[in-house]
Amino acid sequence: MTGSRVVALGHYQPAKVLTNDDLAAMVDTSDEWITSRVGIKTRHVGGPGEPVDEMAAHAAAKALATAGLDPAAIDLVLVATSTAIDRSPSMSARVAARLGMASPAVMDINVVCSGFTHALATADHAIRAGAATRALVIGADKMADIADWTDRSTCVLLGDGAGAAVVVADPRGDADAAPGIGPVLWGSVPEMGRAVRIEGTPPRFAQEGQSVYRWATTQLPPIARKVCEKAGVAPEDLAAVVLHQANLRIIEPVARKIGAVNAVIARDVVDSGNTSAASIPMALSKLVERGEVDSGAPALLFGFGGNLSYAGQVIRCP
């Protein structure tokens, strides 16, 4: 069977930055209140003329340029998003059109905060099955469009952005070589699905914060360790841990309980807020761009959130 590998990454965020002090002028909150509870200092917010597919295309173009690939070489485009307003054309079709691609298969994947890791696994499976050879996997969300700006418990969390990965077939002549993208472990807790939701007309984000916190900090660490076990990588051998950037008060205890004592822990949430499906590829792209992880080093990607869904895999960094 043919494996797959991430060969390049890219990310994009809107220019407008919303600080905690800015939010304090909008709702009853403060920099101290936000920082102490969720660890976020700033977030980027897109304007009305900056749709999801535009952010996604910017991140994708950067990843393609890094990979040295022409858009026409891509035969599968997957966009993970939960903030697409229109049903059709899909975000993936719009990105393909923006980039001038030839005739790729296009699909959107809506698993909210764990959308990117679900989409990455789907691309890996398609390549292993011979249905694709070069895939563009994107996480992009415009959370500002669905934020309830009167609810201080949720609006302080959210930001906008996109992250992208170029995934290619990796024949791996050496049968003992570590796969570029390890096996996925995914699942959900359907009976708790309403703990994170985007509902209504117009749609608005809401969550049961304490329930999500307890679930994430108690149930997810052993699942994440099983992801490492499936990949044949001990937690202490991980070079990086990139969790969904939900909240610093979730990221830090979960990372500690996984046991990745030698890993760089992504904390992009401090500067970017919770960008849902964009959070993992954006955080990983920044780590790689800054040279904080070596090429070929193992990194745990683990998404969790809405539905309550989760998906994780160990990849080798580009």
C-alpha atoms as a PDB file:
ATOM      1  CA  MET A   1       0.000   0.000   0.000  1.00  0.00           C
ATOM      2  CA  THR A   2       1.034   3.590  -0.600  1.00  0.00           C
ATOM      3  CA  GLY A   3       1.338   5.823   2.418  1.00  0.00           C
ATOM      4  CA  SER A   4       1.043   9.588   2.468  1.00  0.00           C
ATOM      5  CA  ARG A   5       3.051  12.467   3.842  1.00  0.00           C
ATOM      6  CA  VAL A   6       2.570  16.155   4.617  1.00  0.00           C
ATOM      7  CA  VAL A   7       5.165  17.968   2.509  1.00  0.00           C
ATOM      8  CA  ALA A   8       4.225  21.602   3.105  1.00  0.00           C
ATOM      9  CA  LEU A   9       2.068  23.848   5.279  1.00  0.00           C
ATOM     10  CA  GLY A  10       0.633  27.341   5.083  1.00  0.00           C
ATOM     11  CA  HIS A  11      -1.539  29.623   7.183  1.00  0.00           C
ATOM     12  CA  TYR A  12      -3.433  32.880   6.911  1.00  0.00           C
ATOM     13  CA  GLN A  13      -5.089  35.276   9.356  1.00  0.00           C
ATOM     14  CA  PRO A  14      -6.995  38.528   8.761  1.00  0.00           C
ATOM     15  CA  ALA A  15      -5.109  41.742   9.461  1.00  0.00           C
ATOM     16  CA  LYS A  16      -7.557  43.069  12.062  1.00  0.00           C
ATOM     17  CA  VAL A  17      -6.575  42.173  15.622  1.00  0.00           C
ATOM     18  CA  LEU A  18      -9.105  42.251  18.455  1.00  0.00           C
ATOM     19  CA  THR A  19      -7.495  42.587  21.891  1.00  0.00           C
ATOM     20  CA  ASN A  20      -8.968  41.788  25.272  1.00  0.00           C
ATOM     21  CA  ASP A  21      -9.201  45.508  25.964  1.00  0.00           C
ATOM     22  CA  ASP A  22     -11.204  45.918  22.748  1.00  0.00           C
ATOM     23  CA  LEU A  23     -13.620  43.259  23.971  1.00  0.00           C
ATOM     24  CA  ALA A  24     -13.881  44.978  27.355  1.00  0.00           C
ATOM     25  CA  ALA A  25     -15.385  47.951  25.535  1.00  0.00           C
ATOM     26  CA  MET A  26     -18.032  45.667  23.979  1.00  0.00           C
ATOM     27  CA  VAL A  27     -19.097  43.345  26.822  1.00  0.00           C
ATOM     28  CA  ASP A  28     -18.677  43.095  30.589  1.00  0.00           C
ATOM     29  CA  THR A  29     -15.179  41.613  30.705  1.00  0.00           C
ATOM     30  CA  SER A  30     -11.521  42.552  31.200  1.00  0.00           C
ATOM     31  CA  ASP A  31      -8.069  41.477  30.111  1.00  0.00           C
ATOM     32  CA  GLU A  32      -7.492  39.894  33.537  1.00  0.00           C
ATOM     33  CA  TRP A  33     -10.819  37.972  33.405  1.00  0.00           C
ATOM     34  CA  ILE A  34     -10.143  36.570  29.918  1.00  0.00           C
ATOM     35  CA  THR A  35      -6.470  35.751  30.491  1.00  0.00           C
ATOM     36  CA  SER A  36      -7.067  33.996  33.799  1.00  0.00           C
ATOM     37  CA  ARG A  37      -9.903  31.856  32.470  1.00  0.00           C
ATOM     38  CA  VAL A  38      -8.885  30.961  28.916  1.00  0.00           C
ATOM     39  CA  GLY A  39      -5.355  32.305  28.403  1.00  0.00           C
ATOM     40  CA  ILE A  40      -6.202  34.287  25.257  1.00  0.00           C
ATOM     41  CA  LYS A  41      -4.720  37.749  24.671  1.00  0.00           C
ATOM     42  CA  THR A  42      -5.668  38.554  21.064  1.00  0.00           C
ATOM     43  CA  ARG A  43      -7.584  37.124  18.124  1.00  0.00           C
ATOM     44  CA  HIS A  44      -7.798  38.007  14.393  1.00  0.00           C
ATOM     45  CA  VAL A  45     -11.174  38.948  12.927  1.00  0.00           C
ATOM     46  CA  GLY A  46     -12.068  39.037   9.240  1.00  0.00           C
ATOM     47  CA  GLY A  47     -14.132  41.806   7.709  1.00  0.00           C
ATOM     48  CA  PRO A  48     -17.336  41.444   5.658  1.00  0.00           C
ATOM     49  CA  GLY A  49     -15.322  41.232   2.440  1.00  0.00           C
ATOM     50  CA  GLU A  50     -13.096  38.408   3.681  1.00  0.00           C
ATOM     51  CA  PRO A  51     -15.074  35.135   3.287  1.00  0.00           C
ATOM     52  CA  VAL A  52     -14.021  31.690   4.424  1.00  0.00           C
ATOM     53  CA  ASP A  53     -12.928  30.542   0.964  1.00  0.00           C
ATOM     54  CA  GLU A  54     -10.670  33.579   0.521  1.00  0.00           C
ATOM     55  CA  MET A  55      -8.855  32.851   3.787  1.00  0.00           C
ATOM     56  CA  ALA A  56      -8.617  29.175   2.817  1.00  0.00           C
ATOM     57  CA  ALA A  57      -7.217  30.030  -0.620  1.00  0.00           C
ATOM     58  CA  HIS A  58      -4.525  32.282   0.889  1.00  0.00           C
ATOM     59  CA  ALA A  59      -3.354  29.500   3.228  1.00  0.00           C
ATOM     60  CA  ALA A  60      -3.501  26.946   0.414  1.00  0.00           C
ATOM     61  CA  ALA A  61      -1.515  29.123  -1.978  1.00  0.00           C
ATOM     62  CA  LYS A  62       1.219  29.503   0.639  1.00  0.00           C
ATOM     63  CA  ALA A  63       1.372  25.736   1.213  1.00  0.00           C
ATOM     64  CA  LEU A  64       1.501  25.030  -2.525  1.00  0.00           C
ATOM     65  CA  ALA A  65       4.279  27.574  -3.024  1.00  0.00           C
ATOM     66  CA  THR A  66       6.282  25.978  -0.217  1.00  0.00           C
ATOM     67  CA  ALA A  67       5.765  22.558  -1.791  1.00  0.00           C
ATOM     68  CA  GLY A  68       6.795  23.870  -5.209  1.00  0.00           C
ATOM     69  CA  LEU A  69       3.580  22.532  -6.747  1.00  0.00           C
ATOM     70  CA  ASP A  70       1.310  24.075  -9.335  1.00  0.00           C
ATOM     71  CA  PRO A  71      -2.376  24.083  -8.263  1.00  0.00           C
ATOM     72  CA  ALA A  72      -3.172  21.959 -11.323  1.00  0.00           C
ATOM     73  CA  ALA A  73      -1.176  19.100  -9.774  1.00  0.00           C
ATOM     74  CA  ILE A  74      -3.738  18.689  -6.968  1.00  0.00           C
ATOM     75  CA  ASP A  75      -6.388  16.027  -7.529  1.00  0.00           C
ATOM     76  CA  LEU A  76      -8.247  16.236  -4.191  1.00  0.00           C
ATOM     77  CA  VAL A  77      -9.301  19.294  -2.174  1.00  0.00           C
ATOM     78  CA  LEU A  78     -10.769  18.860   1.305  1.00  0.00           C
ATOM     79  CA  VAL A  79     -11.893  21.867   3.319  1.00  0.00           C
ATOM     80  CA  ALA A  80     -12.811  21.403   6.976  1.00  0.00           C
ATOM     81  CA  THR A  81     -15.191  24.170   8.044  1.00  0.00           C
ATOM     82  CA  SER A  82     -18.368  24.731  10.027  1.00  0.00           C
ATOM     83  CA  THR A  83     -18.874  28.357   8.992  1.00  0.00           C
ATOM     84  CA  ALA A  84     -19.796  27.962   5.328  1.00  0.00           C
ATOM     85  CA  ILE A  85     -22.946  30.028   4.783  1.00  0.00           C
ATOM     86  CA  ASP A  86     -23.992  28.669   1.396  1.00  0.00           C
ATOM     87  CA  ARG A  87     -24.698  25.008   0.712  1.00  0.00           C
ATOM     88  CA  SER A  88     -23.252  25.175  -2.806  1.00  0.00           C
ATOM     89  CA  PRO A  89     -20.751  25.826  -4.267  1.00  0.00           C
ATOM     90  CA  SER A  90     -18.835  24.266  -1.405  1.00  0.00           C
ATOM     91  CA  MET A  91     -15.807  25.935   0.151  1.00  0.00           C
ATOM     92  CA  SER A  92     -13.570  23.324  -1.485  1.00  0.00           C
ATOM     93  CA  ALA A  93     -15.046  24.060  -4.929  1.00  0.00           C
ATOM     94  CA  ARG A  94     -14.611  27.790  -4.363  1.00  0.00           C
ATOM     95  CA  VAL A  95     -10.990  27.332  -3.298  1.00  0.00           C
ATOM     96  CA  ALA A  96     -10.295  25.199  -6.361  1.00  0.00           C
ATOM     97  CA  ALA A  97     -11.798  27.906  -8.582  1.00  0.00           C
ATOM     98  CA  ARG A  98      -9.826  30.677  -6.859  1.00  0.00           C
ATOM     99  CA  LEU A  99      -6.572  28.780  -7.381  1.00  0.00           C
ATOM    100  CA  GLY A 100      -7.322  27.789 -10.972  1.00  0.00           C
ATOM    101  CA  MET A 101      -7.138  24.052 -10.423  1.00  0.00           C
ATOM    102  CA  ALA A 102      -7.811  21.592 -13.234  1.00  0.00           C
ATOM    103  CA  SER A 103     -10.355  18.927 -12.207  1.00  0.00           C
ATOM    104  CA  PRO A 104      -9.884  17.968  -8.555  1.00  0.00           C
ATOM    105  CA  ALA A 105     -12.393  16.088  -6.447  1.00  0.00           C
ATOM    106  CA  VAL A 106     -13.795  18.615  -3.958  1.00  0.00           C
ATOM    107  CA  MET A 107     -15.404  17.965  -0.585  1.00  0.00           C
ATOM    108  CA  ASP A 108     -16.204  19.945   2.540  1.00  0.00           C
ATOM    109  CA  ILE A 109     -15.963  18.194   5.904  1.00  0.00           C
ATOM    110  CA  ASN A 110     -17.879  19.592   8.873  1.00  0.00           C
ATOM    111  CA  VAL A 111     -16.653  18.119  12.138  1.00  0.00           C
ATOM    112  CA  VAL A 112     -16.243  21.565  13.701  1.00  0.00           C
ATOM    113  CA  CYS A 113     -13.094  21.807  15.854  1.00  0.00           C
ATOM    114  CA  SER A 114     -11.726  18.374  14.894  1.00  0.00           C
ATOM    115  CA  GLY A 115     -12.466  18.923  11.215  1.00  0.00           C
ATOM    116  CA  PHE A 116      -8.844  19.221  10.086  1.00  0.00           C
ATOM    117  CA  THR A 117      -7.672  15.958  11.637  1.00  0.00           C
ATOM    118  CA  HIS A 118     -10.731  14.197  10.178  1.00  0.00           C
ATOM    119  CA  ALA A 119      -9.954  15.710   6.759  1.00  0.00           C
ATOM    120  CA  LEU A 120      -6.266  14.778   6.994  1.00  0.00           C
ATOM    121  CA  ALA A 121      -7.208  11.174   7.732  1.00  0.00           C
ATOM    122  CA  THR A 122      -9.652  11.191   4.815  1.00  0.00           C
ATOM    123  CA  ALA A 123      -6.927  12.427   2.457  1.00  0.00           C
ATOM    124  CA  ASP A 124      -4.537   9.762   3.756  1.00  0.00           C
ATOM    125  CA  HIS A 125      -7.164   7.064   3.193  1.00  0.00           C
ATOM    126  CA  ALA A 126      -7.916   8.317  -0.340  1.00  0.00           C
ATOM    127  CA  ILE A 127      -4.232   8.246  -1.245  1.00  0.00           C
ATOM    128  CA  ARG A 128      -3.722   4.795   0.291  1.00  0.00           C
ATOM    129  CA  ALA A 129      -6.701   3.520  -1.707  1.00  0.00           C
ATOM    130  CA  GLY A 130      -5.296   4.956  -4.938  1.00  0.00           C
ATOM    131  CA  ALA A 131      -8.137   7.450  -5.376  1.00  0.00           C
ATOM    132  CA  ALA A 132      -5.795  10.473  -5.158  1.00  0.00           C
ATOM    133  CA  THR A 133      -2.087  11.238  -5.399  1.00  0.00           C
ATOM    134  CA  ARG A 134      -1.813  14.867  -4.240  1.00  0.00           C
ATOM    135  CA  ALA A 135      -4.297  16.409  -1.836  1.00  0.00           C
ATOM    136  CA  LEU A 136      -4.829  19.851  -0.396  1.00  0.00           C
ATOM    137  CA  VAL A 137      -6.248  19.664   3.131  1.00  0.00           C
ATOM    138  CA  ILE A 138      -7.488  22.928   4.612  1.00  0.00           C
ATOM    139  CA  GLY A 139      -9.037  23.987   7.903  1.00  0.00           C
ATOM    140  CA  ALA A 140     -10.767  27.373   7.659  1.00  0.00           C
ATOM    141  CA  ASP A 141     -13.344  29.077   9.832  1.00  0.00           C
ATOM    142  CA  LYS A 142     -14.719  32.565  10.273  1.00  0.00           C
ATOM    143  CA  MET A 143     -15.940  32.323  13.833  1.00  0.00           C
ATOM    144  CA  ALA A 144     -16.612  36.062  14.063  1.00  0.00           C
ATOM    145  CA  ASP A 145     -19.633  35.549  11.802  1.00  0.00           C
ATOM    146  CA  ILE A 146     -21.282  33.151  14.245  1.00  0.00           C
ATOM    147  CA  ALA A 147     -20.167  34.713  17.539  1.00  0.00           C
ATOM    148  CA  ASP A 148     -22.708  36.047  20.011  1.00  0.00           C
ATOM    149  CA  TRP A 149     -20.985  39.336  20.759  1.00  0.00           C
ATOM    150  CA  THR A 150     -23.254  39.880  23.805  1.00  0.00           C
ATOM    151  CA  ASP A 151     -22.128  36.664  25.533  1.00  0.00           C
ATOM    152  CA  ARG A 152     -18.860  37.275  27.343  1.00  0.00           C
ATOM    153  CA  SER A 153     -18.345  33.585  28.072  1.00  0.00           C
ATOM    154  CA  THR A 154     -18.064  32.655  24.371  1.00  0.00           C
ATOM    155  CA  CYS A 155     -17.237  35.743  22.285  1.00  0.00           C
ATOM    156  CA  VAL A 156     -13.880  36.140  24.040  1.00  0.00           C
ATOM    157  CA  LEU A 157     -12.802  32.740  22.716  1.00  0.00           C
ATOM    158  CA  LEU A 158     -13.259  33.093  18.977  1.00  0.00           C
ATOM    159  CA  GLY A 159     -10.992  34.106  16.102  1.00  0.00           C
ATOM    160  CA  ASP A 160     -10.754  33.703  12.325  1.00  0.00           C
ATOM    161  CA  GLY A 161      -8.140  32.063  10.123  1.00  0.00           C
ATOM    162  CA  ALA A 162      -7.084  29.204   7.883  1.00  0.00           C
ATOM    163  CA  GLY A 163      -4.356  26.588   7.726  1.00  0.00           C
ATOM    164  CA  ALA A 164      -3.468  24.222   4.893  1.00  0.00           C
ATOM    165  CA  ALA A 165      -1.394  21.119   4.264  1.00  0.00           C
ATOM    166  CA  VAL A 166      -0.194  19.565   1.016  1.00  0.00           C
ATOM    167  CA  VAL A 167      -0.385  15.778   1.271  1.00  0.00           C
ATOM    168  CA  VAL A 168       1.257  13.541  -1.323  1.00  0.00           C
ATOM    169  CA  ALA A 169       1.677   9.828  -1.959  1.00  0.00           C
ATOM    170  CA  ASP A 170       4.704   8.423  -0.152  1.00  0.00           C
ATOM    171  CA  PRO A 171       5.727   4.984  -1.509  1.00  0.00           C
ATOM    172  CA  ARG A 172       8.134   4.308   1.375  1.00  0.00           C
ATOM    173  CA  GLY A 173      10.503   1.765  -0.080  1.00  0.00           C
ATOM    174  CA  ASP A 174      11.683   0.889   3.426  1.00  0.00           C
ATOM    175  CA  ALA A 175       8.950  -1.182   5.066  1.00  0.00           C
ATOM    176  CA  ASP A 176      10.312  -0.282   8.504  1.00  0.00           C
ATOM    177  CA  ALA A 177      10.178   3.471   7.911  1.00  0.00           C
ATOM    178  CA  ALA A 178       7.713   5.459   9.991  1.00  0.00           C
ATOM    179  CA  PRO A 179       4.643   6.480   7.984  1.00  0.00           C
ATOM    180  CA  GLY A 180       4.389  10.141   7.099  1.00  0.00           C
ATOM    181  CA  ILE A 181       0.823  10.165   8.418  1.00  0.00           C
ATOM    182  CA  GLY A 182       0.058   7.583  11.064  1.00  0.00           C
ATOM    183  CA  PRO A 183      -3.243   5.762  11.577  1.00  0.00           C
ATOM    184  CA  VAL A 184      -6.141   7.877  12.788  1.00  0.00           C
ATOM    185  CA  LEU A 185      -8.074   7.246  15.971  1.00  0.00           C
ATOM    186  CA  TRP A 186     -11.443   8.970  15.805  1.00  0.00           C
ATOM    187  CA  GLY A 187     -14.830   8.866  17.477  1.00  0.00           C
ATOM    188  CA  SER A 188     -17.478  10.899  19.267  1.00  0.00           C
ATOM    189  CA  VAL A 189     -19.803  11.101  22.260  1.00  0.00           C
ATOM    190  CA  PRO A 190     -23.221  11.518  20.591  1.00  0.00           C
ATOM    191  CA  GLU A 191     -25.181  11.886  23.830  1.00  0.00           C
ATOM    192  CA  MET A 192     -23.111  14.988  24.641  1.00  0.00           C
ATOM    193  CA  GLY A 193     -23.276  16.409  21.131  1.00  0.00           C
ATOM    194  CA  ARG A 194     -25.152  19.558  22.142  1.00  0.00           C
ATOM    195  CA  ALA A 195     -22.401  20.610  24.542  1.00  0.00           C
ATOM    196  CA  VAL A 196     -20.865  22.543  21.605  1.00  0.00           C
ATOM    197  CA  ARG A 197     -23.272  23.845  18.977  1.00  0.00           C
ATOM    198  CA  ILE A 198     -23.791  26.302  16.139  1.00  0.00           C
ATOM    199  CA  GLU A 199     -27.536  26.693  15.726  1.00  0.00           C
ATOM    200  CA  GLY A 200     -30.313  29.108  14.847  1.00  0.00           C
ATOM    201  CA  THR A 201     -31.051  31.723  12.187  1.00  0.00           C
ATOM    202  CA  PRO A 202     -28.682  33.452  12.033  1.00  0.00           C
ATOM    203  CA  PRO A 203     -26.437  30.697  13.418  1.00  0.00           C
ATOM    204  CA  ARG A 204     -24.722  31.383  16.728  1.00  0.00           C
ATOM    205  CA  PHE A 205     -21.977  29.553  18.623  1.00  0.00           C
ATOM    206  CA  ALA A 206     -22.779  28.318  22.139  1.00  0.00           C
ATOM    207  CA  GLN A 207     -21.329  25.752  24.481  1.00  0.00           C
ATOM    208  CA  GLU A 208     -21.626  24.228  27.924  1.00  0.00           C
ATOM    209  CA  GLY A 209     -18.174  25.272  29.027  1.00  0.00           C
ATOM    210  CA  GLN A 210     -17.824  23.245  32.214  1.00  0.00           C
ATOM    211  CA  SER A 211     -19.016  20.024  30.568  1.00  0.00           C
ATOM    212  CA  VAL A 212     -16.557  20.485  27.709  1.00  0.00           C
ATOM    213  CA  TYR A 213     -13.720  21.264  30.108  1.00  0.00           C
ATOM    214  CA  ARG A 214     -14.351  18.159  32.227  1.00  0.00           C
ATOM    215  CA  TRP A 215     -14.678  15.916  29.158  1.00  0.00           C
ATOM    216  CA  ALA A 216     -11.537  17.284  27.513  1.00  0.00           C
ATOM    217  CA  THR A 217      -9.285  17.167  30.558  1.00  0.00           C
ATOM    218  CA  THR A 218     -10.382  13.736  31.827  1.00  0.00           C
ATOM    219  CA  GLN A 219     -11.416  11.666  28.789  1.00  0.00           C
ATOM    220  CA  LEU A 220      -9.095  12.878  26.046  1.00  0.00           C
ATOM    221  CA  PRO A 221      -5.575  12.226  27.448  1.00  0.00           C
ATOM    222  CA  PRO A 222      -5.911   8.393  27.386  1.00  0.00           C
ATOM    223  CA  ILE A 223      -7.359   8.589  23.853  1.00  0.00           C
ATOM    224  CA  ALA A 224      -4.420  10.725  22.748  1.00  0.00           C
ATOM    225  CA  ARG A 225      -2.008   8.196  24.240  1.00  0.00           C
ATOM    226  CA  LYS A 226      -3.758   5.478  22.185  1.00  0.00           C
ATOM    227  CA  VAL A 227      -3.132   7.587  19.076  1.00  0.00           C
ATOM    228  CA  CYS A 228       0.580   7.454  19.863  1.00  0.00           C
ATOM    229  CA  GLU A 229       0.364   3.708  20.491  1.00  0.00           C
ATOM    230  CA  LYS A 230      -1.278   3.130  17.087  1.00  0.00           C
ATOM    231  CA  ALA A 231       1.554   5.101  15.480  1.00  0.00           C
ATOM    232  CA  GLY A 232       4.229   3.196  17.385  1.00  0.00           C
ATOM    233  CA  VAL A 233       5.539   6.382  18.988  1.00  0.00           C
ATOM    234  CA  ALA A 234       5.985   6.794  22.742  1.00  0.00           C
ATOM    235  CA  PRO A 235       4.617  10.090  24.105  1.00  0.00           C
ATOM    236  CA  GLU A 236       8.060  11.015  25.426  1.00  0.00           C
ATOM    237  CA  ASP A 237       9.459  10.705  21.886  1.00  0.00           C
ATOM    238  CA  LEU A 238       7.073  13.266  20.402  1.00  0.00           C
ATOM    239  CA  ALA A 239       8.732  16.450  19.157  1.00  0.00           C
ATOM    240  CA  ALA A 240       5.503  18.461  19.145  1.00  0.00           C
ATOM    241  CA  VAL A 241       1.948  18.271  20.427  1.00  0.00           C
ATOM    242  CA  VAL A 242      -0.615  20.286  18.498  1.00  0.00           C
ATOM    243  CA  LEU A 243      -4.003  20.065  20.157  1.00  0.00           C
ATOM    244  CA  HIS A 244      -7.102  21.918  19.022  1.00  0.00           C
ATOM    245  CA  GLN A 245      -6.487  25.450  20.260  1.00  0.00           C
ATOM    246  CA  ALA A 246      -9.660  25.678  22.314  1.00  0.00           C
ATOM    247  CA  ASN A 247      -8.506  27.241  25.523  1.00  0.00           C
ATOM    248  CA  LEU A 248      -5.104  27.366  27.218  1.00  0.00           C
ATOM    249  CA  ARG A 249      -6.652  25.982  30.412  1.00  0.00           C
ATOM    250  CA  ILE A 250      -7.574  22.842  28.451  1.00  0.00           C
ATOM    251  CA  ILE A 251      -4.435  22.558  26.303  1.00  0.00           C
ATOM    252  CA  GLU A 252      -1.923  22.620  29.150  1.00  0.00           C
ATOM    253  CA  PRO A 253      -3.423  19.925  31.427  1.00  0.00           C
ATOM    254  CA  VAL A 254      -4.263  17.631  28.490  1.00  0.00           C
ATOM    255  CA  ALA A 255      -0.718  17.940  27.097  1.00  0.00           C
ATOM    256  CA  ARG A 256       0.725  17.232  30.559  1.00  0.00           C
ATOM    257  CA  LYS A 257      -1.433  14.126  31.042  1.00  0.00           C
ATOM    258  CA  ILE A 258      -0.412  12.739  27.641  1.00  0.00           C
ATOM    259  CA  GLY A 259       3.160  12.531  28.942  1.00  0.00           C
ATOM    260  CA  ALA A 260       4.889  14.314  26.057  1.00  0.00           C
ATOM    261  CA  VAL A 261       7.592  15.625  28.356  1.00  0.00           C
ATOM    262  CA  ASN A 262      10.061  16.502  25.585  1.00  0.00           C
ATOM    263  CA  ALA A 263       7.614  18.017  23.111  1.00  0.00           C
ATOM    264  CA  VAL A 264       6.976  21.574  22.059  1.00  0.00           C
ATOM    265  CA  ILE A 265       3.369  22.330  23.008  1.00  0.00           C
ATOM    266  CA  ALA A 266       1.528  24.557  20.537  1.00  0.00           C
ATOM    267  CA  ARG A 267      -0.016  27.561  22.307  1.00  0.00           C
ATOM    268  CA  ASP A 268      -1.176  29.583  19.325  1.00  0.00           C
ATOM    269  CA  VAL A 269      -4.515  30.098  21.090  1.00  0.00           C
ATOM    270  CA  VAL A 270      -2.894  32.902  23.110  1.00  0.00           C
ATOM    271  CA  ASP A 271      -2.496  35.069  20.007  1.00  0.00           C
ATOM    272  CA  SER A 272      -5.185  33.646  17.702  1.00  0.00           C
ATOM    273  CA  GLY A 273      -8.058  32.504  19.897  1.00  0.00           C
ATOM    274  CA  ASN A 274     -10.175  29.471  19.047  1.00  0.00           C
ATOM    275  CA  THR A 275     -10.319  29.248  15.248  1.00  0.00           C
ATOM    276  CA  SER A 276     -12.125  25.882  15.195  1.00  0.00           C
ATOM    277  CA  ALA A 277     -11.009  23.721  12.225  1.00  0.00           C
ATOM    278  CA  ALA A 278      -8.224  26.178  11.377  1.00  0.00           C
ATOM    279  CA  SER A 279      -6.526  25.943  14.752  1.00  0.00           C
ATOM    280  CA  ILE A 280      -4.407  22.795  14.311  1.00  0.00           C
ATOM    281  CA  PRO A 281      -3.008  23.489  10.815  1.00  0.00           C
ATOM    282  CA  MET A 282      -2.361  27.145  11.694  1.00  0.00           C
ATOM    283  CA  ALA A 283      -0.532  26.264  14.904  1.00  0.00           C
ATOM    284  CA  LEU A 284       1.501  23.526  13.197  1.00  0.00           C
ATOM    285  CA  SER A 285       2.375  25.759  10.250  1.00  0.00           C
ATOM    286  CA  LYS A 286       3.703  28.415  12.622  1.00  0.00           C
ATOM    287  CA  LEU A 287       5.802  25.906  14.598  1.00  0.00           C
ATOM    288  CA  VAL A 288       7.393  24.622  11.396  1.00  0.00           C
ATOM    289  CA  GLU A 289       7.879  28.117   9.957  1.00  0.00           C
ATOM    290  CA  ARG A 290       9.675  29.252  13.125  1.00  0.00           C
ATOM    291  CA  GLY A 291      11.910  26.175  13.061  1.00  0.00           C
ATOM    292  CA  GLU A 292      10.673  24.898  16.425  1.00  0.00           C
ATOM    293  CA  VAL A 293      10.348  21.319  15.130  1.00  0.00           C
ATOM    294  CA  ASP A 294      12.732  19.471  12.814  1.00  0.00           C
ATOM    295  CA  SER A 295      11.776  17.998   9.470  1.00  0.00           C
ATOM    296  CA  GLY A 296      10.800  14.369   9.943  1.00  0.00           C
ATOM    297  CA  ALA A 297      10.145  14.785  13.662  1.00  0.00           C
ATOM    298  CA  PRO A 298       6.969  13.155  15.045  1.00  0.00           C
ATOM    299  CA  ALA A 299       4.111  15.474  15.994  1.00  0.00           C
ATOM    300  CA  LEU A 300       0.812  14.521  17.583  1.00  0.00           C
ATOM    301  CA  LEU A 301      -2.195  16.274  16.037  1.00  0.00           C
ATOM    302  CA  PHE A 302      -5.358  15.910  18.096  1.00  0.00           C
ATOM    303  CA  GLY A 303      -8.636  17.662  17.376  1.00  0.00           C
ATOM    304  CA  PHE A 304     -11.686  17.694  19.626  1.00  0.00           C
ATOM    305  CA  GLY A 305     -14.828  19.726  20.174  1.00  0.00           C
ATOM    306  CA  GLY A 306     -18.218  19.968  18.489  1.00  0.00           C
ATOM    307  CA  ASN A 307     -20.414  16.836  18.379  1.00  0.00           C
ATOM    308  CA  LEU A 308     -18.303  15.942  20.858  1.00  0.00           C
ATOM    309  CA  SER A 309     -15.973  14.539  18.217  1.00  0.00           C
ATOM    310  CA  TYR A 310     -12.279  13.773  18.307  1.00  0.00           C
ATOM    311  CA  ALA A 311      -9.645  12.616  15.827  1.00  0.00           C
ATOM    312  CA  GLY A 312      -5.889  12.344  16.091  1.00  0.00           C
ATOM    313  CA  GLN A 313      -2.833  11.039  14.311  1.00  0.00           C
ATOM    314  CA  VAL A 314       0.955  11.253  14.566  1.00  0.00           C
ATOM    315  CA  ILE A 315       2.587  12.791  11.502  1.00  0.00           C
ATOM    316  CA  ARG A 316       6.178  13.411  10.454  1.00  0.00           C
ATOM    317  CA  CYS A 317       6.735  17.148  10.121  1.00  0.00           C
ATOM    318  CA  PRO A 318       7.607  18.508   6.665  1.00  0.00           C
END
